[in-house]
Structure formats: structure tokens, C-alpha cells
Amino acid sequence: MHSLHPELTRAMGEMMDRIDGFLRDSGYAGEPVQMYLAGGMAVHYYCGTRYTDDVDATFSRRLILPFEKLVIDYMRETGKPSCIYFDTTYNDTFALLHPDHRECCVEWEGMGNEHRLIHLLVFCPVDLAVSKLSRFSPNDQADILALARQRYFTTDQLQTRATEALDHYVGETRWIHLNLAQISQEIALAA
């Protein structure tokens, strides 16, 4: 992990503290719930290339949380007030995901998982890149390139993982192949 934007990392830690508090207040005493982090906050974990406002994640258990209380205000290093919030519209059903993506997640070390009933796990870099191929917005493309520039994966690894993921999808996938070809060319040019 990098050391850029520590205030964003602290805000994420505060969100985890609140979720932990909600779980404890509910009387939950089971095994820690796994939170699988995707999106811009996961890219922040690896690269710190940009700020993000929303937290895209799924959980190992079904949860009922007061999401309106998961808005965390913080101050960016520029002095600009900002916040992060849990994106309740995030849905991993429509994103391109490898079937083993949860098993390949990495623990966000230094986040205090050992003290909470909620453990924060981050998509591994290549699965994070694969997940961004379906929406493929300008931010998604920049995120994939940022991960590739940090040498978290090669073009071949990205293509292999995306192809394996596509084997588990039904529907028109030609456009995802086009997105993969485009980003592979951009990664090669950036190298």
C-alpha cells in the first residue's frame, strides 16, 4: 500500500469502525463478516491516484445496516471538505468478475481488522482491473492503467483472467472483448 491521501484511508477506517459498532450493537457475536472492497477505494488502496466518494463493496453475510449513518466527512489534504459514503446501488451481479475473486482478495493491513467484527478485504489488482472492463468509464480506464503502471499485473495476466471470467457469463460479450483489446493496447503503449 502507498502513503498517498492518508485522510481518505482514515475516513475508510472510520467507516469500518461504524460498521463494527452497528454489528456489536445488534448483538452479533459470530465470525467476523468479510467486506469485499472494489471500485475507486480499492484502487486507492493500491495506487492512491485519485480521490473517490463512494465505497463499493459486498459482504460475506447479508447485512441490515443504517447506511445513512455511513457517510464519513473528512478534509482533503488541499483543505477541501469531502466525504465518503457506502454506495447502496453497487451490485456485483452485472460487473465482470472472476468466480474466484473473493478467494484472491487481500486484507487491508493496518486497517484494524483484528479488532473488529468486520474485516476489510480488497479485490486483488487483476480482479479489480477485470471488474472495471464492463462499465469501462474514463475513471475505470484510468484505474486499470494506474494498476498496470504499478506492475500489479501484465497484459497477458489481465487477458487470461478476463477470459476466464467471461467463461461464466451469459449474454453479448463482444463489447467486453473490445474493451479488453483497447486497454491492452493502452497498457502496452504506456509501458
C-alpha atoms as a PDB file:
ATOM      1  CA  MET A   1       0.000   0.000   0.000  1.00  0.00           C
ATOM      2  CA  HIS A   2       1.082   3.570  -0.701  1.00  0.00           C
ATOM      3  CA  SER A   3       1.110   6.554   1.657  1.00  0.00           C
ATOM      4  CA  LEU A   4      -0.896   8.986  -0.515  1.00  0.00           C
ATOM      5  CA  HIS A   5      -4.104  10.610   0.761  1.00  0.00           C
ATOM      6  CA  PRO A   6      -3.903   9.293   4.354  1.00  0.00           C
ATOM      7  CA  GLU A   7      -7.026  11.298   5.173  1.00  0.00           C
ATOM      8  CA  LEU A   8      -9.034   9.126   2.757  1.00  0.00           C
ATOM      9  CA  THR A   9      -7.632   5.999   4.397  1.00  0.00           C
ATOM     10  CA  ARG A  10      -8.580   7.367   7.836  1.00  0.00           C
ATOM     11  CA  ALA A  11     -12.118   8.053   6.589  1.00  0.00           C
ATOM     12  CA  MET A  12     -12.333   4.440   5.406  1.00  0.00           C
ATOM     13  CA  GLY A  13     -11.171   3.319   8.849  1.00  0.00           C
ATOM     14  CA  GLU A  14     -13.895   5.402  10.476  1.00  0.00           C
ATOM     15  CA  MET A  15     -16.500   3.764   8.229  1.00  0.00           C
ATOM     16  CA  MET A  16     -15.216   0.355   9.321  1.00  0.00           C
ATOM     17  CA  ASP A  17     -15.442   1.422  12.976  1.00  0.00           C
ATOM     18  CA  ARG A  18     -19.066   2.442  12.487  1.00  0.00           C
ATOM     19  CA  ILE A  19     -19.966  -0.837  10.792  1.00  0.00           C
ATOM     20  CA  ASP A  20     -18.248  -2.704  13.622  1.00  0.00           C
ATOM     21  CA  GLY A  21     -20.274  -0.678  16.130  1.00  0.00           C
ATOM     22  CA  PHE A  22     -23.545  -1.456  14.335  1.00  0.00           C
ATOM     23  CA  LEU A  23     -22.715  -5.185  14.338  1.00  0.00           C
ATOM     24  CA  ARG A  24     -21.846  -5.149  18.045  1.00  0.00           C
ATOM     25  CA  ASP A  25     -24.949  -3.124  18.933  1.00  0.00           C
ATOM     26  CA  SER A  26     -27.090  -5.677  17.084  1.00  0.00           C
ATOM     27  CA  GLY A  27     -25.715  -8.431  19.332  1.00  0.00           C
ATOM     28  CA  TYR A  28     -23.821 -10.175  16.547  1.00  0.00           C
ATOM     29  CA  ALA A  29     -21.073 -12.354  18.045  1.00  0.00           C
ATOM     30  CA  GLY A  30     -20.251 -14.735  15.182  1.00  0.00           C
ATOM     31  CA  GLU A  31     -17.208 -14.994  12.979  1.00  0.00           C
ATOM     32  CA  PRO A  32     -16.074 -11.671  11.509  1.00  0.00           C
ATOM     33  CA  VAL A  33     -18.017 -10.594   8.442  1.00  0.00           C
ATOM     34  CA  GLN A  34     -15.857 -10.180   5.347  1.00  0.00           C
ATOM     35  CA  MET A  35     -16.268  -6.929   3.391  1.00  0.00           C
ATOM     36  CA  TYR A  36     -15.016  -7.254  -0.211  1.00  0.00           C
ATOM     37  CA  LEU A  37     -13.907  -3.852  -1.485  1.00  0.00           C
ATOM     38  CA  ALA A  38     -13.989  -2.952  -5.186  1.00  0.00           C
ATOM     39  CA  GLY A  39     -14.090   0.312  -7.112  1.00  0.00           C
ATOM     40  CA  GLY A  40     -12.183   3.523  -6.584  1.00  0.00           C
ATOM     41  CA  MET A  41     -11.462   2.891  -2.907  1.00  0.00           C
ATOM     42  CA  ALA A  42      -9.766  -0.399  -3.812  1.00  0.00           C
ATOM     43  CA  VAL A  43      -7.694   1.457  -6.414  1.00  0.00           C
ATOM     44  CA  HIS A  44      -6.853   3.972  -3.684  1.00  0.00           C
ATOM     45  CA  TYR A  45      -5.508   1.105  -1.576  1.00  0.00           C
ATOM     46  CA  TYR A  46      -3.081   0.063  -4.322  1.00  0.00           C
ATOM     47  CA  CYS A  47      -2.230   3.313  -6.092  1.00  0.00           C
ATOM     48  CA  GLY A  48      -3.617   6.406  -4.369  1.00  0.00           C
ATOM     49  CA  THR A  49      -4.019   8.004  -7.784  1.00  0.00           C
ATOM     50  CA  ARG A  50      -7.354   9.704  -7.143  1.00  0.00           C
ATOM     51  CA  TYR A  51      -9.961  10.515  -4.559  1.00  0.00           C
ATOM     52  CA  THR A  52     -13.270   8.701  -4.559  1.00  0.00           C
ATOM     53  CA  ASP A  53     -16.504   9.444  -2.770  1.00  0.00           C
ATOM     54  CA  ASP A  54     -18.312   6.126  -2.869  1.00  0.00           C
ATOM     55  CA  VAL A  55     -17.393   2.812  -1.291  1.00  0.00           C
ATOM     56  CA  ASP A  56     -18.298  -0.170  -3.483  1.00  0.00           C
ATOM     57  CA  ALA A  57     -18.385  -3.420  -1.550  1.00  0.00           C
ATOM     58  CA  THR A  58     -20.194  -6.661  -0.912  1.00  0.00           C
ATOM     59  CA  PHE A  59     -20.238  -8.797   2.224  1.00  0.00           C
ATOM     60  CA  SER A  60     -19.856 -12.446   3.175  1.00  0.00           C
ATOM     61  CA  ARG A  61     -23.176 -12.231   5.070  1.00  0.00           C
ATOM     62  CA  ARG A  62     -26.450 -10.473   4.445  1.00  0.00           C
ATOM     63  CA  LEU A  63     -26.487  -7.281   6.488  1.00  0.00           C
ATOM     64  CA  ILE A  64     -29.028  -4.720   7.519  1.00  0.00           C
ATOM     65  CA  LEU A  65     -27.137  -1.516   8.216  1.00  0.00           C
ATOM     66  CA  PRO A  66     -28.206   2.124   8.670  1.00  0.00           C
ATOM     67  CA  PHE A  67     -26.404   3.230   5.508  1.00  0.00           C
ATOM     68  CA  GLU A  68     -27.396   6.855   6.059  1.00  0.00           C
ATOM     69  CA  LYS A  69     -25.060   6.760   9.075  1.00  0.00           C
ATOM     70  CA  LEU A  70     -22.157   5.564   6.923  1.00  0.00           C
ATOM     71  CA  VAL A  71     -21.424   8.995   5.479  1.00  0.00           C
ATOM     72  CA  ILE A  72     -17.982   9.983   6.722  1.00  0.00           C
ATOM     73  CA  ASP A  73     -16.922  13.624   6.492  1.00  0.00           C
ATOM     74  CA  TYR A  74     -13.232  14.423   6.199  1.00  0.00           C
ATOM     75  CA  MET A  75     -10.916  17.144   4.927  1.00  0.00           C
ATOM     76  CA  ARG A  76      -8.795  16.522   1.825  1.00  0.00           C
ATOM     77  CA  GLU A  77      -5.133  17.482   2.012  1.00  0.00           C
ATOM     78  CA  THR A  78      -5.994  20.553  -0.089  1.00  0.00           C
ATOM     79  CA  GLY A  79      -8.316  21.752   2.697  1.00  0.00           C
ATOM     80  CA  LYS A  80     -11.446  20.939   0.686  1.00  0.00           C
ATOM     81  CA  PRO A  81     -14.240  19.323   2.734  1.00  0.00           C
ATOM     82  CA  SER A  82     -15.240  15.944   1.371  1.00  0.00           C
ATOM     83  CA  CYS A  83     -16.978  12.738   2.382  1.00  0.00           C
ATOM     84  CA  ILE A  84     -17.238   9.063   1.577  1.00  0.00           C
ATOM     85  CA  TYR A  85     -20.437   7.058   1.651  1.00  0.00           C
ATOM     86  CA  PHE A  86     -21.411   3.422   1.229  1.00  0.00           C
ATOM     87  CA  ASP A  87     -22.836   3.017  -2.281  1.00  0.00           C
ATOM     88  CA  THR A  88     -26.061   1.065  -1.779  1.00  0.00           C
ATOM     89  CA  THR A  89     -26.520   0.844  -5.565  1.00  0.00           C
ATOM     90  CA  TYR A  90     -23.292  -1.136  -6.086  1.00  0.00           C
ATOM     91  CA  ASN A  91     -24.141  -4.582  -7.391  1.00  0.00           C
ATOM     92  CA  ASP A  92     -21.555  -7.165  -8.406  1.00  0.00           C
ATOM     93  CA  THR A  93     -24.080  -9.163 -10.442  1.00  0.00           C
ATOM     94  CA  PHE A  94     -23.505  -7.112 -13.586  1.00  0.00           C
ATOM     95  CA  ALA A  95     -19.776  -6.440 -13.247  1.00  0.00           C
ATOM     96  CA  LEU A  96     -17.324  -8.800 -14.881  1.00  0.00           C
ATOM     97  CA  LEU A  97     -15.905 -10.863 -12.021  1.00  0.00           C
ATOM     98  CA  HIS A  98     -13.792 -13.979 -11.923  1.00  0.00           C
ATOM     99  CA  PRO A  99     -15.607 -16.713  -9.960  1.00  0.00           C
ATOM    100  CA  ASP A 100     -12.626 -16.942  -7.570  1.00  0.00           C
ATOM    101  CA  HIS A 101     -12.337 -13.203  -6.963  1.00  0.00           C
ATOM    102  CA  ARG A 102     -13.260 -13.419  -3.268  1.00  0.00           C
ATOM    103  CA  GLU A 103     -10.651 -16.097  -2.574  1.00  0.00           C
ATOM    104  CA  CYS A 104      -7.989 -13.854  -4.145  1.00  0.00           C
ATOM    105  CA  CYS A 105      -8.816 -10.734  -2.109  1.00  0.00           C
ATOM    106  CA  VAL A 106      -6.113  -9.334   0.155  1.00  0.00           C
ATOM    107  CA  GLU A 107      -6.541  -7.989   3.662  1.00  0.00           C
ATOM    108  CA  TRP A 108      -6.217  -4.222   4.039  1.00  0.00           C
ATOM    109  CA  GLU A 109      -3.374  -4.369   6.536  1.00  0.00           C
ATOM    110  CA  GLY A 110      -3.140  -1.649   9.138  1.00  0.00           C
ATOM    111  CA  MET A 111      -6.906  -1.035   8.978  1.00  0.00           C
ATOM    112  CA  GLY A 112      -7.526  -2.658  12.379  1.00  0.00           C
ATOM    113  CA  ASN A 113      -9.313  -5.761  11.136  1.00  0.00           C
ATOM    114  CA  GLU A 114      -8.047  -7.727  14.111  1.00  0.00           C
ATOM    115  CA  HIS A 115     -10.136  -5.550  16.457  1.00  0.00           C
ATOM    116  CA  ARG A 116     -13.408  -5.622  14.525  1.00  0.00           C
ATOM    117  CA  LEU A 117     -16.310  -7.908  13.700  1.00  0.00           C
ATOM    118  CA  ILE A 118     -15.930  -6.685  10.103  1.00  0.00           C
ATOM    119  CA  HIS A 119     -12.762  -7.444   8.124  1.00  0.00           C
ATOM    120  CA  LEU A 120     -11.871  -5.315   5.104  1.00  0.00           C
ATOM    121  CA  LEU A 121     -10.580  -7.281   2.121  1.00  0.00           C
ATOM    122  CA  VAL A 122      -9.613  -5.678  -1.189  1.00  0.00           C
ATOM    123  CA  PHE A 123     -10.017  -7.181  -4.650  1.00  0.00           C
ATOM    124  CA  CYS A 124      -6.616  -8.309  -5.901  1.00  0.00           C
ATOM    125  CA  PRO A 125      -5.293  -5.920  -8.581  1.00  0.00           C
ATOM    126  CA  VAL A 126      -6.002  -8.087 -11.621  1.00  0.00           C
ATOM    127  CA  ASP A 127      -9.567  -8.863 -10.451  1.00  0.00           C
ATOM    128  CA  LEU A 128     -10.092  -5.171  -9.737  1.00  0.00           C
ATOM    129  CA  ALA A 129      -8.996  -4.375 -13.306  1.00  0.00           C
ATOM    130  CA  VAL A 130     -11.239  -7.114 -14.715  1.00  0.00           C
ATOM    131  CA  SER A 131     -14.203  -5.698 -12.764  1.00  0.00           C
ATOM    132  CA  LYS A 132     -13.703  -2.356 -14.495  1.00  0.00           C
ATOM    133  CA  LEU A 133     -13.847  -3.766 -18.029  1.00  0.00           C
ATOM    134  CA  SER A 134     -17.644  -3.950 -18.154  1.00  0.00           C
ATOM    135  CA  ARG A 135     -18.512  -0.347 -17.225  1.00  0.00           C
ATOM    136  CA  PHE A 136     -15.270   0.999 -18.771  1.00  0.00           C
ATOM    137  CA  SER A 137     -15.866   4.666 -17.921  1.00  0.00           C
ATOM    138  CA  PRO A 138     -12.945   7.101 -18.238  1.00  0.00           C
ATOM    139  CA  ASN A 139     -12.261   6.619 -14.486  1.00  0.00           C
ATOM    140  CA  ASP A 140     -12.321   2.832 -14.941  1.00  0.00           C
ATOM    141  CA  GLN A 141      -9.835   3.021 -17.807  1.00  0.00           C
ATOM    142  CA  ALA A 142      -7.546   5.341 -15.824  1.00  0.00           C
ATOM    143  CA  ASP A 143      -7.762   2.977 -12.823  1.00  0.00           C
ATOM    144  CA  ILE A 144      -6.778  -0.056 -14.928  1.00  0.00           C
ATOM    145  CA  LEU A 145      -3.839   1.875 -16.382  1.00  0.00           C
ATOM    146  CA  ALA A 146      -2.746   3.050 -12.907  1.00  0.00           C
ATOM    147  CA  LEU A 147      -2.714  -0.544 -11.643  1.00  0.00           C
ATOM    148  CA  ALA A 148      -0.801  -1.692 -14.721  1.00  0.00           C
ATOM    149  CA  ARG A 149       1.749   1.131 -14.363  1.00  0.00           C
ATOM    150  CA  GLN A 150       2.442  -0.089 -10.825  1.00  0.00           C
ATOM    151  CA  ARG A 151       3.147  -3.509 -12.394  1.00  0.00           C
ATOM    152  CA  TYR A 152       0.469  -5.305 -10.410  1.00  0.00           C
ATOM    153  CA  PHE A 153      -0.252  -7.458 -13.472  1.00  0.00           C
ATOM    154  CA  THR A 154       0.807  -7.919 -17.070  1.00  0.00           C
ATOM    155  CA  THR A 155      -1.397  -7.576 -20.122  1.00  0.00           C
ATOM    156  CA  ASP A 156      -1.298 -11.350 -20.517  1.00  0.00           C
ATOM    157  CA  GLN A 157      -2.464 -11.856 -16.926  1.00  0.00           C
ATOM    158  CA  LEU A 158      -5.309  -9.371 -17.424  1.00  0.00           C
ATOM    159  CA  GLN A 159      -6.394 -11.037 -20.665  1.00  0.00           C
ATOM    160  CA  THR A 160      -6.245 -14.530 -19.130  1.00  0.00           C
ATOM    161  CA  ARG A 161      -8.209 -13.543 -16.015  1.00  0.00           C
ATOM    162  CA  ALA A 162     -10.840 -11.663 -18.051  1.00  0.00           C
ATOM    163  CA  THR A 163     -11.237 -14.580 -20.466  1.00  0.00           C
ATOM    164  CA  GLU A 164     -11.648 -16.998 -17.558  1.00  0.00           C
ATOM    165  CA  ALA A 165     -14.274 -14.684 -16.054  1.00  0.00           C
ATOM    166  CA  LEU A 166     -16.153 -14.421 -19.350  1.00  0.00           C
ATOM    167  CA  ASP A 167     -16.493 -18.209 -19.443  1.00  0.00           C
ATOM    168  CA  HIS A 168     -19.027 -17.830 -16.603  1.00  0.00           C
ATOM    169  CA  TYR A 169     -21.245 -15.184 -18.231  1.00  0.00           C
ATOM    170  CA  VAL A 170     -24.285 -15.388 -20.445  1.00  0.00           C
ATOM    171  CA  GLY A 171     -25.104 -12.649 -22.940  1.00  0.00           C
ATOM    172  CA  GLU A 172     -23.394 -10.493 -25.533  1.00  0.00           C
ATOM    173  CA  THR A 173     -19.740 -10.205 -24.534  1.00  0.00           C
ATOM    174  CA  ARG A 174     -18.253  -8.830 -27.757  1.00  0.00           C
ATOM    175  CA  TRP A 175     -18.039  -5.311 -26.309  1.00  0.00           C
ATOM    176  CA  ILE A 176     -16.080  -6.566 -23.296  1.00  0.00           C
ATOM    177  CA  HIS A 177     -13.591  -8.199 -25.669  1.00  0.00           C
ATOM    178  CA  LEU A 178     -13.305  -4.826 -27.443  1.00  0.00           C
ATOM    179  CA  ASN A 179     -12.725  -3.041 -24.116  1.00  0.00           C
ATOM    180  CA  LEU A 180     -10.073  -5.611 -23.213  1.00  0.00           C
ATOM    181  CA  ALA A 181      -8.321  -5.178 -26.562  1.00  0.00           C
ATOM    182  CA  GLN A 182      -8.375  -1.381 -26.208  1.00  0.00           C
ATOM    183  CA  ILE A 183      -6.991  -1.303 -22.673  1.00  0.00           C
ATOM    184  CA  SER A 184      -4.368  -3.918 -23.559  1.00  0.00           C
ATOM    185  CA  GLN A 185      -3.094  -1.627 -26.332  1.00  0.00           C
ATOM    186  CA  GLU A 186      -3.055   1.343 -23.944  1.00  0.00           C
ATOM    187  CA  ILE A 187      -1.128  -0.667 -21.339  1.00  0.00           C
ATOM    188  CA  ALA A 188       1.413  -1.670 -23.990  1.00  0.00           C
ATOM    189  CA  LEU A 189       1.838   1.955 -25.110  1.00  0.00           C
ATOM    190  CA  ALA A 190       2.271   3.125 -21.512  1.00  0.00           C
ATOM    191  CA  ALA A 191       4.984   0.563 -20.770  1.00  0.00           C
END
